Amino acid sequence: MPKLKTRKCAAKRLKQTGTGKYRHNKAGARHLKTCKNAKRKRRLRQDGAVSAAESRRIKVALPYGL
């Protein structure tokens, strides 16, 4: 069996937690911040959890984890 390749696009965008779940950065936090309120910007700073349906696809893209 040859070695499996890691999808670099997934490796750069995701972080793995200690329990094996994946976290991602939320969209919309880069620019146009003046029209967003402080509560919304605070929540955009936090990592988002990856859903169970998406985590199956991520396990294929990252065969050896992160």
N, C-alpha and C. Protein backbone atom coordinates (compact mmCIF):
# COMPACT_ATOMS: atom_id res chain seq x y z
N MET A 1 0.84 -1.19 0.00
CA MET A 1 0.00 0.00 0.00
C MET A 1 0.88 1.25 0.00
N PRO A 2 0.66 2.17 -0.95
CA PRO A 2 1.44 3.42 -0.91
C PRO A 2 0.92 4.35 0.19
N LYS A 3 1.77 5.31 0.50
CA LYS A 3 1.36 6.31 1.51
C LYS A 3 0.26 7.19 0.93
N LEU A 4 -0.65 7.64 1.79
CA LEU A 4 -1.73 8.53 1.37
C LEU A 4 -1.28 9.97 1.48
N LYS A 5 -1.72 10.79 0.54
CA LYS A 5 -1.35 12.19 0.56
C LYS A 5 -2.33 12.99 1.41
N THR A 6 -1.80 13.98 2.11
CA THR A 6 -2.61 14.90 2.90
C THR A 6 -3.09 16.03 2.00
N ARG A 7 -4.37 16.38 2.11
CA ARG A 7 -4.89 17.55 1.38
C ARG A 7 -4.42 18.80 2.10
N LYS A 8 -3.52 19.55 1.48
CA LYS A 8 -2.91 20.70 2.13
C LYS A 8 -3.92 21.81 2.40
N CYS A 9 -4.94 21.93 1.56
CA CYS A 9 -5.95 22.98 1.79
C CYS A 9 -6.68 22.73 3.10
N ALA A 10 -6.93 21.47 3.44
CA ALA A 10 -7.59 21.15 4.70
C ALA A 10 -6.61 21.30 5.88
N ALA A 11 -5.36 20.92 5.68
CA ALA A 11 -4.37 20.98 6.76
C ALA A 11 -4.10 22.42 7.20
N LYS A 12 -4.18 23.37 6.26
CA LYS A 12 -3.90 24.76 6.58
C LYS A 12 -5.09 25.45 7.26
N ARG A 13 -6.29 24.94 7.05
CA ARG A 13 -7.49 25.62 7.54
C ARG A 13 -8.07 25.02 8.81
N LEU A 14 -7.66 23.84 9.20
CA LEU A 14 -8.28 23.15 10.33
C LEU A 14 -7.28 22.89 11.44
N LYS A 15 -7.81 22.79 12.66
CA LYS A 15 -7.02 22.40 13.83
C LYS A 15 -7.72 21.23 14.48
N GLN A 16 -6.94 20.31 15.02
CA GLN A 16 -7.51 19.15 15.69
C GLN A 16 -7.43 19.34 17.19
N THR A 17 -8.53 19.04 17.89
CA THR A 17 -8.55 19.17 19.34
C THR A 17 -7.95 17.91 19.97
N GLY A 18 -7.81 17.92 21.27
CA GLY A 18 -7.24 16.78 21.96
C GLY A 18 -8.10 15.54 21.87
N THR A 19 -9.41 15.71 21.74
CA THR A 19 -10.31 14.56 21.64
C THR A 19 -10.47 14.05 20.22
N GLY A 20 -9.85 14.74 19.24
CA GLY A 20 -9.91 14.28 17.86
C GLY A 20 -10.91 15.01 17.00
N LYS A 21 -11.64 15.98 17.56
CA LYS A 21 -12.57 16.77 16.77
C LYS A 21 -11.79 17.85 16.02
N TYR A 22 -12.44 18.45 15.03
CA TYR A 22 -11.79 19.48 14.22
C TYR A 22 -12.46 20.83 14.44
N ARG A 23 -11.64 21.90 14.41
CA ARG A 23 -12.11 23.27 14.56
C ARG A 23 -11.68 24.06 13.33
N HIS A 24 -12.46 25.08 12.99
CA HIS A 24 -12.14 25.92 11.83
C HIS A 24 -12.34 27.38 12.18
N ASN A 25 -11.71 28.26 11.40
CA ASN A 25 -11.91 29.70 11.58
C ASN A 25 -13.23 30.10 10.93
N LYS A 26 -13.91 31.04 11.55
CA LYS A 26 -15.20 31.49 11.02
C LYS A 26 -15.00 32.51 9.91
N ALA A 27 -15.91 32.50 8.97
CA ALA A 27 -15.84 33.42 7.84
C ALA A 27 -16.40 34.78 8.23
N GLY A 28 -15.90 35.83 7.58
CA GLY A 28 -16.45 37.17 7.77
C GLY A 28 -15.72 38.02 8.78
N ALA A 29 -14.54 37.60 9.22
CA ALA A 29 -13.82 38.35 10.26
C ALA A 29 -12.65 39.14 9.71
N ARG A 30 -12.46 39.19 8.41
CA ARG A 30 -11.26 39.81 7.84
C ARG A 30 -11.41 41.32 7.60
N HIS A 31 -12.49 41.72 6.97
CA HIS A 31 -12.63 43.14 6.61
C HIS A 31 -14.09 43.54 6.72
N LEU A 32 -14.38 44.82 6.44
CA LEU A 32 -15.72 45.41 6.59
C LEU A 32 -16.22 45.26 8.03
N LYS A 33 -15.37 45.58 8.98
CA LYS A 33 -15.71 45.38 10.38
C LYS A 33 -16.48 46.55 10.99
N THR A 34 -16.53 47.68 10.30
CA THR A 34 -17.20 48.84 10.88
C THR A 34 -18.71 48.66 10.97
N CYS A 35 -19.28 47.88 10.06
CA CYS A 35 -20.73 47.68 10.07
C CYS A 35 -21.16 46.53 10.98
N LYS A 36 -20.21 45.80 11.55
CA LYS A 36 -20.53 44.68 12.43
C LYS A 36 -20.42 45.13 13.88
N ASN A 37 -21.35 44.68 14.71
CA ASN A 37 -21.30 45.10 16.11
C ASN A 37 -20.25 44.31 16.88
N ALA A 38 -19.94 44.76 18.10
CA ALA A 38 -18.85 44.19 18.88
C ALA A 38 -19.11 42.74 19.25
N LYS A 39 -20.35 42.41 19.55
CA LYS A 39 -20.70 41.03 19.92
C LYS A 39 -20.43 40.07 18.76
N ARG A 40 -20.80 40.51 17.57
CA ARG A 40 -20.59 39.68 16.39
C ARG A 40 -19.11 39.47 16.10
N LYS A 41 -18.30 40.53 16.26
CA LYS A 41 -16.87 40.43 16.02
C LYS A 41 -16.19 39.55 17.05
N ARG A 42 -16.66 39.59 18.28
CA ARG A 42 -16.12 38.72 19.35
C ARG A 42 -16.38 37.26 19.02
N ARG A 43 -17.58 36.97 18.55
CA ARG A 43 -17.92 35.59 18.22
C ARG A 43 -17.18 35.08 16.99
N LEU A 44 -16.86 35.98 16.07
CA LEU A 44 -16.10 35.58 14.88
C LEU A 44 -14.66 35.23 15.22
N ARG A 45 -14.14 35.73 16.35
CA ARG A 45 -12.78 35.40 16.77
C ARG A 45 -12.65 33.96 17.23
N GLN A 46 -13.73 33.38 17.73
CA GLN A 46 -13.68 32.03 18.27
C GLN A 46 -13.72 31.00 17.14
N ASP A 47 -13.16 29.84 17.40
CA ASP A 47 -13.17 28.76 16.42
C ASP A 47 -14.57 28.16 16.33
N GLY A 48 -14.91 27.70 15.13
CA GLY A 48 -16.17 27.00 14.93
C GLY A 48 -15.94 25.50 14.90
N ALA A 49 -16.93 24.75 15.32
CA ALA A 49 -16.82 23.30 15.33
C ALA A 49 -17.24 22.75 13.97
N VAL A 50 -16.60 21.69 13.55
CA VAL A 50 -16.95 21.03 12.29
C VAL A 50 -18.05 20.02 12.58
N SER A 51 -19.07 19.99 11.72
CA SER A 51 -20.20 19.08 11.93
C SER A 51 -19.78 17.63 11.68
N ALA A 52 -20.60 16.71 12.13
CA ALA A 52 -20.30 15.29 11.98
C ALA A 52 -20.27 14.88 10.52
N ALA A 53 -21.13 15.47 9.70
CA ALA A 53 -21.18 15.14 8.28
C ALA A 53 -19.89 15.59 7.58
N GLU A 54 -19.40 16.76 7.95
CA GLU A 54 -18.17 17.27 7.35
C GLU A 54 -16.94 16.54 7.88
N SER A 55 -17.00 16.08 9.13
CA SER A 55 -15.82 15.43 9.71
C SER A 55 -15.48 14.13 9.00
N ARG A 56 -16.46 13.47 8.41
CA ARG A 56 -16.18 12.26 7.63
C ARG A 56 -15.34 12.61 6.39
N ARG A 57 -15.66 13.70 5.75
CA ARG A 57 -14.89 14.15 4.58
C ARG A 57 -13.49 14.59 4.99
N ILE A 58 -13.38 15.21 6.17
CA ILE A 58 -12.08 15.69 6.64
C ILE A 58 -11.16 14.52 6.97
N LYS A 59 -11.70 13.45 7.51
CA LYS A 59 -10.87 12.28 7.83
C LYS A 59 -10.27 11.66 6.57
N VAL A 60 -10.97 11.78 5.44
CA VAL A 60 -10.42 11.31 4.16
C VAL A 60 -9.33 12.26 3.68
N ALA A 61 -9.56 13.57 3.86
CA ALA A 61 -8.59 14.57 3.41
C ALA A 61 -7.34 14.59 4.26
N LEU A 62 -7.47 14.24 5.55
CA LEU A 62 -6.34 14.23 6.47
C LEU A 62 -6.17 12.82 7.02
N PRO A 63 -5.58 11.91 6.25
CA PRO A 63 -5.53 10.51 6.69
C PRO A 63 -4.69 10.28 7.94
N TYR A 64 -3.73 11.14 8.22
CA TYR A 64 -2.86 10.96 9.39
C TYR A 64 -3.12 12.00 10.47
N GLY A 65 -4.23 12.71 10.39
CA GLY A 65 -4.55 13.74 11.37
C GLY A 65 -3.70 14.98 11.14
N LEU A 66 -3.61 15.80 12.17
CA LEU A 66 -2.79 17.03 12.10
C LEU A 66 -1.69 16.99 13.13
